[in-house]
Amino acid sequence: MSRYSQNTWASYLSHQLQQARKRAEIATLKTVEARLSAWLAWNGGLMPSKGEWKNLADEIGVSPEALYRELAKRGKSFSHRPP
């Protein structure tokens, strides 16, 4: 394996480990509010586009309906990523 391939693989594994740690940390939180806040903190405070909210709910381990209720409670106090 070339040096470039080793560095690329190490970078990939490092990223995957960070993502797994993020998901594990978020999963320990009890409320939708806490889980969403943690996810936002990890992602620069930006929400995905509306069409991706169901995926976000799955990622943070809550039902889409619970996520939508939390977003409605927060109103427009968050920014969206450009589509």
C-alpha atoms as a PDB file:
ATOM      1  CA  MET A   1       0.000   0.000   0.000  1.00  0.00           C
ATOM      2  CA  SER A   2       1.435   3.373  -0.966  1.00  0.00           C
ATOM      3  CA  ARG A   3       2.043   6.156   1.551  1.00  0.00           C
ATOM      4  CA  TYR A   4      -0.810   8.167  -0.039  1.00  0.00           C
ATOM      5  CA  SER A   5      -3.197   5.226   0.298  1.00  0.00           C
ATOM      6  CA  GLN A   6      -2.196   4.713   3.928  1.00  0.00           C
ATOM      7  CA  ASN A   7      -2.794   8.379   4.740  1.00  0.00           C
ATOM      8  CA  THR A   8      -6.124   8.354   2.916  1.00  0.00           C
ATOM      9  CA  TRP A   9      -7.217   5.209   4.745  1.00  0.00           C
ATOM     10  CA  ALA A  10      -6.105   6.608   8.114  1.00  0.00           C
ATOM     11  CA  SER A  11      -8.003   9.819   7.425  1.00  0.00           C
ATOM     12  CA  TYR A  12     -11.116   7.870   6.477  1.00  0.00           C
ATOM     13  CA  LEU A  13     -10.927   5.730   9.630  1.00  0.00           C
ATOM     14  CA  SER A  14     -10.392   8.809  11.788  1.00  0.00           C
ATOM     15  CA  HIS A  15     -13.461  10.472  10.304  1.00  0.00           C
ATOM     16  CA  GLN A  16     -15.559   7.337  10.813  1.00  0.00           C
ATOM     17  CA  LEU A  17     -14.445   7.103  14.438  1.00  0.00           C
ATOM     18  CA  GLN A  18     -15.377  10.743  15.053  1.00  0.00           C
ATOM     19  CA  GLN A  19     -18.809  10.153  13.522  1.00  0.00           C
ATOM     20  CA  ALA A  20     -19.367   7.044  15.646  1.00  0.00           C
ATOM     21  CA  ARG A  21     -18.389   8.930  18.801  1.00  0.00           C
ATOM     22  CA  LYS A  22     -20.754  11.748  17.878  1.00  0.00           C
ATOM     23  CA  ARG A  23     -23.656   9.345  17.355  1.00  0.00           C
ATOM     24  CA  ALA A  24     -22.887   7.525  20.615  1.00  0.00           C
ATOM     25  CA  GLU A  25     -22.715  10.778  22.574  1.00  0.00           C
ATOM     26  CA  ILE A  26     -25.993  12.028  21.106  1.00  0.00           C
ATOM     27  CA  ALA A  27     -27.682   8.681  21.833  1.00  0.00           C
ATOM     28  CA  THR A  28     -26.930   9.068  25.552  1.00  0.00           C
ATOM     29  CA  LEU A  29     -28.949  12.281  25.750  1.00  0.00           C
ATOM     30  CA  LYS A  30     -32.498  11.884  27.054  1.00  0.00           C
ATOM     31  CA  THR A  31     -34.535  14.582  25.321  1.00  0.00           C
ATOM     32  CA  VAL A  32     -35.151  15.531  21.715  1.00  0.00           C
ATOM     33  CA  GLU A  33     -34.142  19.069  22.661  1.00  0.00           C
ATOM     34  CA  ALA A  34     -30.767  17.889  23.984  1.00  0.00           C
ATOM     35  CA  ARG A  35     -30.141  15.570  21.049  1.00  0.00           C
ATOM     36  CA  LEU A  36     -30.942  18.245  18.484  1.00  0.00           C
ATOM     37  CA  SER A  37     -28.819  20.816  20.322  1.00  0.00           C
ATOM     38  CA  ALA A  38     -25.875  18.409  20.398  1.00  0.00           C
ATOM     39  CA  TRP A  39     -26.286  17.594  16.709  1.00  0.00           C
ATOM     40  CA  LEU A  40     -26.397  21.288  15.853  1.00  0.00           C
ATOM     41  CA  ALA A  41     -23.275  21.938  17.934  1.00  0.00           C
ATOM     42  CA  TRP A  42     -21.429  19.205  16.007  1.00  0.00           C
ATOM     43  CA  ASN A  43     -22.631  20.586  12.676  1.00  0.00           C
ATOM     44  CA  GLY A  44     -21.915  24.282  12.955  1.00  0.00           C
ATOM     45  CA  GLY A  45     -25.411  25.203  14.117  1.00  0.00           C
ATOM     46  CA  LEU A  46     -26.900  24.702  10.666  1.00  0.00           C
ATOM     47  CA  MET A  47     -29.957  22.573   9.963  1.00  0.00           C
ATOM     48  CA  PRO A  48     -30.094  20.443   6.834  1.00  0.00           C
ATOM     49  CA  SER A  49     -32.641  21.376   4.192  1.00  0.00           C
ATOM     50  CA  LYS A  50     -36.245  20.506   5.027  1.00  0.00           C
ATOM     51  CA  GLY A  51     -36.185  17.447   2.771  1.00  0.00           C
ATOM     52  CA  GLU A  52     -33.425  15.948   4.957  1.00  0.00           C
ATOM     53  CA  TRP A  53     -35.183  16.325   8.321  1.00  0.00           C
ATOM     54  CA  LYS A  54     -36.399  12.719   8.344  1.00  0.00           C
ATOM     55  CA  ASN A  55     -32.791  11.556   7.927  1.00  0.00           C
ATOM     56  CA  LEU A  56     -31.766  13.871  10.769  1.00  0.00           C
ATOM     57  CA  ALA A  57     -34.452  12.355  13.022  1.00  0.00           C
ATOM     58  CA  ASP A  58     -33.086   8.898  12.245  1.00  0.00           C
ATOM     59  CA  GLU A  59     -29.511  10.022  12.873  1.00  0.00           C
ATOM     60  CA  ILE A  60     -30.295  11.406  16.330  1.00  0.00           C
ATOM     61  CA  GLY A  61     -32.572   8.494  17.223  1.00  0.00           C
ATOM     62  CA  VAL A  62     -35.949  10.209  17.477  1.00  0.00           C
ATOM     63  CA  SER A  63     -39.156   9.928  15.502  1.00  0.00           C
ATOM     64  CA  PRO A  64     -39.680  12.432  12.688  1.00  0.00           C
ATOM     65  CA  GLU A  65     -42.775  13.685  14.520  1.00  0.00           C
ATOM     66  CA  ALA A  66     -40.794  14.360  17.711  1.00  0.00           C
ATOM     67  CA  LEU A  67     -38.179  16.246  15.696  1.00  0.00           C
ATOM     68  CA  TYR A  68     -40.850  18.316  13.933  1.00  0.00           C
ATOM     69  CA  ARG A  69     -42.419  19.213  17.303  1.00  0.00           C
ATOM     70  CA  GLU A  70     -39.035  20.322  18.635  1.00  0.00           C
ATOM     71  CA  LEU A  71     -38.382  22.402  15.526  1.00  0.00           C
ATOM     72  CA  ALA A  72     -41.824  24.010  15.832  1.00  0.00           C
ATOM     73  CA  LYS A  73     -41.089  24.794  19.489  1.00  0.00           C
ATOM     74  CA  ARG A  74     -37.838  26.493  18.491  1.00  0.00           C
ATOM     75  CA  GLY A  75     -39.501  28.479  15.740  1.00  0.00           C
ATOM     76  CA  LYS A  76     -37.079  30.123  13.346  1.00  0.00           C
ATOM     77  CA  SER A  77     -34.175  30.206  15.799  1.00  0.00           C
ATOM     78  CA  PHE A  78     -31.926  28.095  13.575  1.00  0.00           C
ATOM     79  CA  SER A  79     -30.290  28.496  10.181  1.00  0.00           C
ATOM     80  CA  HIS A  80     -30.630  26.190   7.206  1.00  0.00           C
ATOM     81  CA  ARG A  81     -27.860  24.866   5.036  1.00  0.00           C
ATOM     82  CA  PRO A  82     -28.220  25.878   1.428  1.00  0.00           C
ATOM     83  CA  PRO A  83     -29.855  23.106  -0.650  1.00  0.00           C
END
